[in-house]
């Protein structure tokens, strides 16, 4: 399965791969997949992500950077529920990963 196909499957049929709807579950699954393909999926993702979203270099893991961006994007809503932030963070993660893979031609 190609990396971009996996991303699309995670969008279309998340419960086929994930036990629940938590952002952390998606991150854990993707990190496990990355380990299974010897680091091919996320190779170079962290520096690309920080440059793409104009986030300064820090010791935060990329998953925390994405969750933080989702939180900032949701700050305008009156009720900032964890479920809403999780949905936003998951969507943002899959969008960013897809853009990264296409840009890097590692589909």
N, C-alpha and C. Protein backbone atom coordinates (compact mmCIF):
# COMPACT_ATOMS: atom_id res chain seq x y z
N UNK A 1 0.84 -1.17 0.00
CA UNK A 1 0.00 0.00 0.00
C UNK A 1 0.89 1.24 0.00
N UNK A 2 0.56 2.17 -0.87
CA UNK A 2 1.32 3.42 -0.93
C UNK A 2 0.95 4.29 0.27
N UNK A 3 1.88 5.17 0.63
CA UNK A 3 1.66 6.05 1.77
C UNK A 3 0.41 6.92 1.59
N UNK A 4 0.24 7.48 0.40
CA UNK A 4 -0.93 8.34 0.16
C UNK A 4 -2.22 7.53 0.19
N UNK A 5 -2.17 6.27 -0.20
CA UNK A 5 -3.35 5.41 -0.11
C UNK A 5 -3.73 5.18 1.35
N UNK A 6 -2.72 4.98 2.19
CA UNK A 6 -2.99 4.81 3.62
C UNK A 6 -3.68 6.04 4.18
N UNK A 7 -3.19 7.22 3.82
CA UNK A 7 -3.79 8.47 4.31
C UNK A 7 -5.25 8.54 3.88
N UNK A 8 -5.53 8.19 2.64
CA UNK A 8 -6.91 8.23 2.15
C UNK A 8 -7.79 7.21 2.88
N UNK A 9 -7.26 6.04 3.12
CA UNK A 9 -8.01 5.02 3.86
C UNK A 9 -8.31 5.48 5.29
N UNK A 10 -7.34 6.16 5.90
CA UNK A 10 -7.56 6.67 7.25
C UNK A 10 -8.64 7.75 7.27
N UNK A 11 -8.77 8.49 6.18
CA UNK A 11 -9.84 9.48 6.07
C UNK A 11 -11.20 8.81 5.86
N UNK A 12 -11.22 7.86 4.92
CA UNK A 12 -12.48 7.23 4.51
C UNK A 12 -12.98 6.18 5.49
N UNK A 13 -12.07 5.38 6.03
CA UNK A 13 -12.45 4.27 6.90
C UNK A 13 -11.56 4.22 8.14
N UNK A 14 -11.62 5.25 8.99
CA UNK A 14 -10.70 5.27 10.13
C UNK A 14 -10.85 4.08 11.07
N UNK A 15 -12.07 3.60 11.25
CA UNK A 15 -12.29 2.48 12.19
C UNK A 15 -11.78 1.15 11.65
N UNK A 16 -11.42 1.11 10.41
CA UNK A 16 -10.81 -0.09 9.85
C UNK A 16 -9.38 -0.25 10.39
N UNK A 17 -8.79 0.87 10.82
CA UNK A 17 -7.41 0.87 11.29
C UNK A 17 -7.26 1.27 12.75
N UNK A 18 -8.19 2.09 13.25
CA UNK A 18 -8.05 2.69 14.58
C UNK A 18 -9.14 2.20 15.53
N UNK A 19 -8.81 2.07 16.80
CA UNK A 19 -9.77 1.58 17.79
C UNK A 19 -10.74 2.65 18.26
N UNK A 20 -10.32 3.92 18.20
CA UNK A 20 -11.21 5.00 18.65
C UNK A 20 -10.92 6.25 17.83
N UNK A 21 -11.58 7.35 18.19
CA UNK A 21 -11.46 8.58 17.43
C UNK A 21 -10.45 9.57 18.01
N UNK A 22 -9.65 9.15 18.95
CA UNK A 22 -8.70 10.05 19.60
C UNK A 22 -7.53 10.39 18.67
N UNK A 23 -7.09 11.62 18.76
CA UNK A 23 -5.93 12.09 17.99
C UNK A 23 -4.70 11.24 18.32
N UNK A 24 -4.53 10.94 19.60
CA UNK A 24 -3.38 10.16 20.04
C UNK A 24 -3.36 8.76 19.42
N UNK A 25 -4.53 8.20 19.19
CA UNK A 25 -4.61 6.88 18.57
C UNK A 25 -4.12 6.94 17.13
N UNK A 26 -4.52 7.98 16.41
CA UNK A 26 -4.05 8.16 15.03
C UNK A 26 -2.54 8.35 15.01
N UNK A 27 -2.02 9.17 15.90
CA UNK A 27 -0.57 9.40 15.97
C UNK A 27 0.16 8.09 16.27
N UNK A 28 -0.34 7.32 17.23
CA UNK A 28 0.30 6.04 17.57
C UNK A 28 0.29 5.08 16.39
N UNK A 29 -0.83 5.01 15.69
CA UNK A 29 -0.91 4.14 14.52
C UNK A 29 0.11 4.56 13.46
N UNK A 30 0.16 5.86 13.17
CA UNK A 30 1.08 6.35 12.14
C UNK A 30 2.54 6.15 12.55
N UNK A 31 2.83 6.31 13.83
CA UNK A 31 4.20 6.08 14.30
C UNK A 31 4.57 4.59 14.18
N UNK A 32 3.61 3.72 14.47
CA UNK A 32 3.84 2.29 14.29
C UNK A 32 4.04 1.93 12.83
N UNK A 33 3.24 2.52 11.96
CA UNK A 33 3.40 2.30 10.52
C UNK A 33 4.77 2.80 10.06
N UNK A 34 5.16 3.96 10.56
CA UNK A 34 6.47 4.53 10.22
C UNK A 34 7.59 3.58 10.64
N UNK A 35 7.46 2.99 11.82
CA UNK A 35 8.46 2.03 12.30
C UNK A 35 8.50 0.79 11.39
N UNK A 36 7.32 0.38 10.94
CA UNK A 36 7.25 -0.81 10.08
C UNK A 36 7.91 -0.59 8.72
N UNK A 37 7.94 0.67 8.27
CA UNK A 37 8.56 0.97 6.96
C UNK A 37 9.92 1.65 7.16
N UNK A 38 10.57 1.35 8.28
CA UNK A 38 11.92 1.83 8.59
C UNK A 38 12.06 3.35 8.53
N UNK A 39 11.06 4.07 9.03
CA UNK A 39 11.15 5.52 9.12
C UNK A 39 10.90 6.27 7.83
N UNK A 40 10.43 5.57 6.81
CA UNK A 40 10.22 6.20 5.50
C UNK A 40 9.10 7.24 5.51
N UNK A 41 8.05 6.99 6.26
CA UNK A 41 6.87 7.86 6.24
C UNK A 41 7.18 9.26 6.76
N UNK A 42 7.85 9.36 7.90
CA UNK A 42 8.07 10.66 8.53
C UNK A 42 9.48 11.22 8.34
N UNK A 43 10.27 10.61 7.48
CA UNK A 43 11.63 11.09 7.25
C UNK A 43 11.59 12.52 6.67
N UNK A 44 12.07 13.48 7.45
CA UNK A 44 12.08 14.88 7.02
C UNK A 44 10.81 15.65 7.32
N UNK A 45 9.83 14.98 7.94
CA UNK A 45 8.53 15.62 8.18
C UNK A 45 8.62 16.76 9.20
N UNK A 46 9.35 16.56 10.28
CA UNK A 46 9.41 17.58 11.34
C UNK A 46 9.94 18.92 10.83
N UNK A 47 11.11 18.96 10.16
CA UNK A 47 11.59 20.25 9.66
C UNK A 47 10.65 20.86 8.60
N UNK A 48 10.09 19.99 7.75
CA UNK A 48 9.15 20.48 6.73
C UNK A 48 7.93 21.10 7.40
N UNK A 49 7.39 20.43 8.41
CA UNK A 49 6.20 20.90 9.12
C UNK A 49 6.45 22.27 9.75
N UNK A 50 7.55 22.41 10.46
CA UNK A 50 7.85 23.67 11.14
C UNK A 50 8.03 24.81 10.15
N UNK A 51 8.63 24.51 9.01
CA UNK A 51 8.79 25.53 7.98
C UNK A 51 7.44 25.86 7.34
N UNK A 52 6.64 24.84 7.08
CA UNK A 52 5.35 25.01 6.41
C UNK A 52 4.38 25.84 7.24
N UNK A 53 4.31 25.58 8.54
CA UNK A 53 3.36 26.32 9.37
C UNK A 53 4.02 27.47 10.13
N UNK A 54 5.26 27.76 9.77
CA UNK A 54 5.99 28.89 10.37
C UNK A 54 6.11 28.77 11.88
N UNK A 55 6.43 27.58 12.32
CA UNK A 55 6.60 27.28 13.75
C UNK A 55 8.10 27.27 14.04
N UNK A 56 8.55 28.00 15.06
CA UNK A 56 9.98 28.00 15.36
C UNK A 56 10.46 26.63 15.85
N UNK A 57 11.73 26.40 15.67
CA UNK A 57 12.35 25.15 16.14
C UNK A 57 12.13 25.02 17.65
N UNK A 58 11.74 23.85 18.07
CA UNK A 58 11.56 23.60 19.51
C UNK A 58 11.75 22.11 19.77
N UNK A 59 11.67 21.74 21.03
CA UNK A 59 11.83 20.34 21.39
C UNK A 59 10.49 19.59 21.35
N UNK A 60 9.41 20.29 20.99
CA UNK A 60 8.11 19.62 20.92
C UNK A 60 8.06 18.62 19.78
N UNK A 61 7.43 17.50 20.04
CA UNK A 61 7.22 16.48 19.01
C UNK A 61 6.27 17.04 17.95
N UNK A 62 6.38 16.59 16.72
CA UNK A 62 5.52 17.11 15.64
C UNK A 62 4.05 16.94 15.97
N UNK A 63 3.69 15.87 16.69
CA UNK A 63 2.28 15.65 17.02
C UNK A 63 1.77 16.74 17.97
N UNK A 64 2.63 17.22 18.85
CA UNK A 64 2.24 18.32 19.76
C UNK A 64 2.14 19.64 19.01
N UNK A 65 3.00 19.83 18.04
CA UNK A 65 2.95 21.05 17.21
C UNK A 65 1.62 21.10 16.45
N UNK A 66 1.22 19.97 15.88
CA UNK A 66 -0.03 19.92 15.11
C UNK A 66 -1.23 20.11 16.04
N UNK A 67 -1.22 19.47 17.20
CA UNK A 67 -2.33 19.66 18.15
C UNK A 67 -2.41 21.13 18.59
N UNK A 68 -1.25 21.74 18.82
CA UNK A 68 -1.23 23.14 19.21
C UNK A 68 -1.81 24.04 18.14
N UNK A 69 -1.49 23.74 16.89
CA UNK A 69 -2.06 24.53 15.77
C UNK A 69 -3.56 24.32 15.71
N UNK A 70 -4.02 23.11 15.90
CA UNK A 70 -5.46 22.83 15.89
C UNK A 70 -6.16 23.59 17.02
N UNK A 71 -5.52 23.64 18.18
CA UNK A 71 -6.09 24.39 19.32
C UNK A 71 -6.18 25.88 18.99
N UNK A 72 -5.12 26.43 18.40
CA UNK A 72 -5.14 27.85 18.03
C UNK A 72 -6.20 28.12 16.97
N UNK A 73 -6.35 27.22 16.01
CA UNK A 73 -7.35 27.39 14.96
C UNK A 73 -8.77 27.32 15.52
N UNK A 74 -8.97 26.53 16.57
CA UNK A 74 -10.29 26.36 17.17
C UNK A 74 -10.59 27.42 18.24
N UNK A 75 -9.62 28.26 18.56
CA UNK A 75 -9.78 29.22 19.66
C UNK A 75 -10.94 30.18 19.44
N UNK A 76 -11.33 30.40 18.20
CA UNK A 76 -12.41 31.35 17.91
C UNK A 76 -13.78 30.77 18.23
N UNK A 77 -13.88 29.46 18.40
CA UNK A 77 -15.18 28.86 18.69
C UNK A 77 -15.50 29.00 20.17
N UNK A 78 -16.78 29.23 20.51
CA UNK A 78 -17.13 29.46 21.91
C UNK A 78 -16.96 28.24 22.81
N UNK A 79 -17.17 27.05 22.27
CA UNK A 79 -17.04 25.83 23.06
C UNK A 79 -15.94 24.97 22.48
N UNK A 80 -14.83 24.94 23.16
CA UNK A 80 -13.65 24.27 22.67
C UNK A 80 -13.53 22.88 23.31
N UNK A 81 -14.32 21.94 22.83
CA UNK A 81 -14.34 20.60 23.39
C UNK A 81 -13.18 19.77 22.85
N UNK A 82 -12.73 18.85 23.66
CA UNK A 82 -11.63 17.98 23.26
C UNK A 82 -11.96 17.22 21.98
N UNK A 83 -13.19 16.75 21.85
CA UNK A 83 -13.59 16.00 20.67
C UNK A 83 -13.46 16.85 19.40
N UNK A 84 -13.86 18.12 19.51
CA UNK A 84 -13.75 19.03 18.37
C UNK A 84 -12.30 19.27 18.02
N UNK A 85 -11.47 19.48 19.02
CA UNK A 85 -10.04 19.70 18.79
C UNK A 85 -9.41 18.44 18.21
N UNK A 86 -9.78 17.26 18.73
CA UNK A 86 -9.27 16.00 18.18
C UNK A 86 -9.62 15.85 16.71
N UNK A 87 -10.86 16.14 16.35
CA UNK A 87 -11.27 16.03 14.95
C UNK A 87 -10.47 17.00 14.08
N UNK A 88 -10.29 18.20 14.56
CA UNK A 88 -9.52 19.21 13.83
C UNK A 88 -8.05 18.79 13.70
N UNK A 89 -7.48 18.29 14.79
CA UNK A 89 -6.08 17.87 14.78
C UNK A 89 -5.86 16.67 13.85
N UNK A 90 -6.79 15.73 13.86
CA UNK A 90 -6.66 14.56 12.98
C UNK A 90 -6.73 14.98 11.52
N UNK A 91 -7.68 15.82 11.21
CA UNK A 91 -7.83 16.29 9.84
C UNK A 91 -6.59 17.07 9.41
N UNK A 92 -6.10 17.93 10.28
CA UNK A 92 -4.91 18.72 9.99
C UNK A 92 -3.70 17.82 9.78
N UNK A 93 -3.52 16.82 10.64
CA UNK A 93 -2.40 15.89 10.51
C UNK A 93 -2.45 15.18 9.16
N UNK A 94 -3.60 14.65 8.80
CA UNK A 94 -3.70 13.93 7.53
C UNK A 94 -3.49 14.86 6.34
N UNK A 95 -4.01 16.09 6.42
CA UNK A 95 -3.79 17.07 5.35
C UNK A 95 -2.31 17.39 5.19
N UNK A 96 -1.66 17.68 6.31
CA UNK A 96 -0.24 18.04 6.26
C UNK A 96 0.62 16.88 5.79
N UNK A 97 0.33 15.69 6.27
CA UNK A 97 1.11 14.52 5.85
C UNK A 97 0.93 14.25 4.37
N UNK A 98 -0.28 14.42 3.88
CA UNK A 98 -0.53 14.22 2.45
C UNK A 98 0.23 15.26 1.61
N UNK A 99 0.20 16.51 2.04
CA UNK A 99 0.95 17.56 1.33
C UNK A 99 2.44 17.26 1.35
N UNK A 100 2.95 16.84 2.50
CA UNK A 100 4.37 16.51 2.63
C UNK A 100 4.74 15.37 1.69
N UNK A 101 3.95 14.32 1.67
CA UNK A 101 4.27 13.16 0.82
C UNK A 101 4.23 13.52 -0.65
N UNK A 102 3.26 14.33 -1.05
CA UNK A 102 3.18 14.75 -2.45
C UNK A 102 4.36 15.63 -2.82
N UNK A 103 4.71 16.55 -1.94
CA UNK A 103 5.83 17.45 -2.21
C UNK A 103 7.15 16.68 -2.29
N UNK A 104 7.28 15.70 -1.44
CA UNK A 104 8.51 14.90 -1.40
C UNK A 104 8.48 13.77 -2.44
N UNK A 105 7.37 13.65 -3.15
CA UNK A 105 7.19 12.58 -4.16
C UNK A 105 7.40 11.20 -3.58
N UNK A 106 6.91 11.00 -2.36
CA UNK A 106 7.01 9.69 -1.70
C UNK A 106 5.61 9.15 -1.50
N UNK A 107 4.88 9.04 -2.56
CA UNK A 107 3.50 8.61 -2.49
C UNK A 107 3.42 7.12 -2.33
